[in-house]
Amino acid sequence: MKSQTIKAPILKFESDAWSYYVAIPKKIGDQFIDGKDRRIVCTINNSTPIHSALMPKGEIYSVYVKKDFMKKYGIAEGDEVTVQLEKDTSEYGKPIPESFQVLLDQDQEGNNLFHSLTKGKQRTLIHLVGKVKNVESQLAKGLAIMHHLKEANGELDFKRLNVLIKEYNNRK
C-alpha cells in the first residue's frame, strides 16, 4: 500500500489526555498495520507531515492532532480536512535531528546504549532534542542524553535526565 487519502472532520476527545484527532476507518487503517507496527506519516491539508501511530479507538483508528498544529494551519474542531496516510518506513518513526545524528555517529558507546532502548524510548529522546529549533540547544540536549545513557548504563531516569539537560543548557 503506497498511500491513502480520505476526508474527515477534526474531532475532540472526551478526555484531558489528548485533545483532538482524525478518525480513520478501520478498513483503511488496517492496510498500514504490520504486526505491532502502527507507525504512519499523516499529512493534513498538504501541511507538514506528522509522524504518528494509528491508535485503536473502538471500530476506528485515531490519529492525534496537536493544538499547536491546528493553530499553525488554521484548523478548528469540526473542520473537514483532507488526510493523506502513508506507512512510516523511517528507522525511528520520526525524523532525527541532524545534530543528534552527528552525536550518535561520533560516540559509539552512546550510540550502542541509545540503540539498546525500545523504539518508543528512542522516539521520546529524539523528540526531546528535535522540539527545540536552535542547533546549540539541540546539541546541549543531545550531549546531556549521551552523558545520562552512559552514566545510567542505558537505563532512562527522566528526572535525572532533566537535571542534566538544565546543567548542559547552562554551560553555554
Protein backbone atom coordinates (compact mmCIF):
# COMPACT_ATOMS: atom_id res chain seq x y z
CA MET A 1 0.00 0.00 0.00
CA LYS A 2 1.53 3.27 -1.10
CA SER A 3 -0.82 5.90 0.32
CA GLN A 4 -4.47 6.54 1.01
CA THR A 5 -6.37 9.85 1.08
CA ILE A 6 -9.63 10.46 2.91
CA LYS A 7 -11.73 13.42 4.03
CA ALA A 8 -12.62 13.51 7.73
CA PRO A 9 -13.52 16.06 10.41
CA ILE A 10 -11.26 17.11 13.28
CA LEU A 11 -12.87 15.63 16.39
CA LYS A 12 -12.36 16.32 20.11
CA PHE A 13 -11.59 13.56 22.61
CA GLU A 14 -13.74 13.28 25.69
CA SER A 15 -10.52 13.06 27.70
CA ASP A 16 -7.99 15.55 29.04
CA ALA A 17 -5.03 13.39 27.99
CA TRP A 18 -5.36 14.22 24.27
CA SER A 19 -7.38 16.98 22.69
CA TYR A 20 -8.07 16.34 19.00
CA TYR A 21 -7.94 13.56 16.47
CA VAL A 22 -8.95 12.47 13.00
CA ALA A 23 -10.93 9.22 12.73
CA ILE A 24 -9.54 6.70 10.27
CA PRO A 25 -11.90 3.89 9.21
CA LYS A 26 -10.65 0.50 10.41
CA LYS A 27 -10.68 -0.91 6.86
CA ILE A 28 -8.26 1.83 5.72
CA GLY A 29 -6.10 1.82 8.87
CA ASP A 30 -5.64 -1.97 8.78
CA GLN A 31 -3.80 -1.58 5.46
CA PHE A 32 -0.98 0.31 7.24
CA ILE A 33 -0.52 -2.03 10.20
CA ASP A 34 2.30 -4.57 10.10
CA GLY A 35 2.20 -6.79 13.19
CA LYS A 36 2.59 -4.42 16.14
CA ASP A 37 3.92 -1.61 13.93
CA ARG A 38 1.21 1.07 13.56
CA ARG A 39 3.54 3.96 12.59
CA ILE A 40 2.32 6.22 9.79
CA VAL A 41 3.06 9.56 8.22
CA CYS A 42 -0.09 11.68 8.10
CA THR A 43 -0.42 14.85 6.04
CA ILE A 44 -3.44 17.06 6.76
CA ASN A 45 -4.46 19.59 4.08
CA ASN A 46 -0.99 19.37 2.46
CA SER A 47 0.67 20.57 5.70
CA THR A 48 3.91 19.47 7.27
CA PRO A 49 3.76 15.67 7.62
CA ILE A 50 3.03 14.30 11.10
CA HIS A 51 4.85 11.14 12.16
CA SER A 52 2.30 9.31 14.26
CA ALA A 53 0.67 5.98 15.01
CA LEU A 54 -2.78 4.62 14.31
CA MET A 55 -4.37 4.32 17.74
CA PRO A 56 -7.24 1.84 18.11
CA LYS A 57 -10.48 3.54 19.23
CA GLY A 58 -13.42 1.15 19.05
CA GLU A 59 -14.30 0.49 15.41
CA ILE A 60 -11.89 3.15 14.08
CA TYR A 61 -8.31 4.30 14.46
CA SER A 62 -7.44 7.77 15.62
CA VAL A 63 -4.54 9.98 14.61
CA TYR A 64 -3.76 12.58 17.26
CA VAL A 65 -3.65 16.21 16.17
CA LYS A 66 -1.96 18.72 18.48
CA LYS A 67 -3.50 22.12 19.28
CA ASP A 68 -0.39 23.99 18.13
CA PHE A 69 -0.53 22.18 14.78
CA MET A 70 -4.19 23.17 14.34
CA LYS A 71 -3.42 26.78 15.25
CA LYS A 72 -0.45 26.94 12.86
CA TYR A 73 -2.56 25.69 9.94
CA GLY A 74 -5.81 27.47 10.83
CA ILE A 75 -7.74 24.26 11.54
CA ALA A 76 -10.55 24.09 14.09
CA GLU A 77 -12.60 21.36 15.72
CA GLY A 78 -15.25 20.13 13.29
CA ASP A 79 -13.38 21.28 10.16
CA GLU A 80 -13.35 18.67 7.41
CA VAL A 81 -9.77 18.06 6.34
CA THR A 82 -8.02 16.04 3.66
CA VAL A 83 -5.87 13.35 5.27
CA GLN A 84 -3.16 11.53 3.37
CA LEU A 85 -1.74 8.43 5.05
CA GLU A 86 1.49 6.62 4.21
CA LYS A 87 3.34 3.85 6.01
CA ASP A 88 6.20 5.28 8.07
CA THR A 89 9.27 3.36 6.96
CA SER A 90 11.78 5.60 8.75
CA GLU A 91 14.21 4.00 11.19
CA TYR A 92 12.84 5.71 14.29
CA GLY A 93 9.25 6.60 13.38
CA LYS A 94 10.11 10.28 13.24
CA PRO A 95 12.86 12.39 11.72
CA ILE A 96 16.09 12.55 13.72
CA PRO A 97 17.70 15.99 14.04
CA GLU A 98 21.00 16.16 12.19
CA SER A 99 22.75 17.44 15.34
CA PHE A 100 21.71 14.34 17.30
CA GLN A 101 22.67 12.00 14.44
CA VAL A 102 26.16 13.56 14.45
CA LEU A 103 26.48 12.85 18.19
CA LEU A 104 25.38 9.24 17.68
CA ASP A 105 27.86 8.86 14.82
CA GLN A 106 30.73 10.22 16.94
CA ASP A 107 30.06 8.34 20.18
CA GLN A 108 29.98 4.56 19.74
CA GLU A 109 29.21 3.79 23.39
CA GLY A 110 26.37 6.32 23.48
CA ASN A 111 25.11 5.04 20.12
CA ASN A 112 25.04 1.45 21.38
CA LEU A 113 23.20 2.44 24.57
CA PHE A 114 20.71 4.54 22.59
CA HIS A 115 20.01 1.66 20.22
CA SER A 116 19.54 -0.75 23.13
CA LEU A 117 16.44 1.27 24.13
CA THR A 118 12.96 0.45 22.85
CA LYS A 119 11.83 2.24 19.68
CA GLY A 120 9.36 4.25 21.80
CA LYS A 121 12.10 5.48 24.15
CA GLN A 122 14.32 6.30 21.18
CA ARG A 123 11.47 8.38 19.70
CA THR A 124 10.97 10.15 23.04
CA LEU A 125 14.64 11.15 23.18
CA ILE A 126 14.63 12.21 19.52
CA HIS A 127 11.55 14.32 20.27
CA LEU A 128 13.30 15.97 23.24
CA VAL A 129 16.17 17.03 21.00
CA GLY A 130 14.06 17.97 17.98
CA LYS A 131 11.42 20.06 19.75
CA VAL A 132 13.91 22.92 20.05
CA LYS A 133 14.91 24.55 16.78
CA ASN A 134 18.18 26.15 17.94
CA VAL A 135 21.07 23.84 16.97
CA GLU A 136 23.11 24.82 20.06
CA SER A 137 20.21 23.82 22.31
CA GLN A 138 19.79 20.58 20.36
CA LEU A 139 23.48 19.79 20.86
CA ALA A 140 23.25 20.56 24.60
CA LYS A 141 20.25 18.23 24.95
CA GLY A 142 21.93 15.57 22.85
CA LEU A 143 25.12 15.72 24.92
CA ALA A 144 23.08 15.52 28.13
CA ILE A 145 21.26 12.46 26.79
CA MET A 146 24.50 10.72 25.83
CA HIS A 147 26.02 11.57 29.24
CA HIS A 148 22.93 10.22 31.01
CA LEU A 149 22.82 6.98 29.00
CA LYS A 150 26.47 6.27 29.85
CA GLU A 151 26.10 7.31 33.49
CA ALA A 152 22.99 5.12 33.93
CA ASN A 153 24.25 2.28 31.71
CA GLY A 154 21.32 2.67 29.31
CA GLU A 155 18.58 2.94 31.95
CA LEU A 156 16.47 6.07 31.50
CA ASP A 157 15.66 8.18 34.55
CA PHE A 158 13.82 11.20 33.18
CA LYS A 159 14.15 13.20 36.43
CA ARG A 160 17.92 12.80 36.35
CA LEU A 161 17.99 13.44 32.61
CA ASN A 162 16.06 16.71 33.01
CA VAL A 163 18.58 17.85 35.66
CA LEU A 164 21.43 17.05 33.25
CA ILE A 165 19.72 18.89 30.40
CA LYS A 166 19.43 22.01 32.58
CA GLU A 167 23.11 21.70 33.54
CA TYR A 168 24.16 21.35 29.89
CA ASN A 169 21.94 24.29 28.85
CA ASN A 170 23.61 26.48 31.50
CA ARG A 171 27.08 25.68 30.15
CA LYS A 172 26.52 27.78 27.01
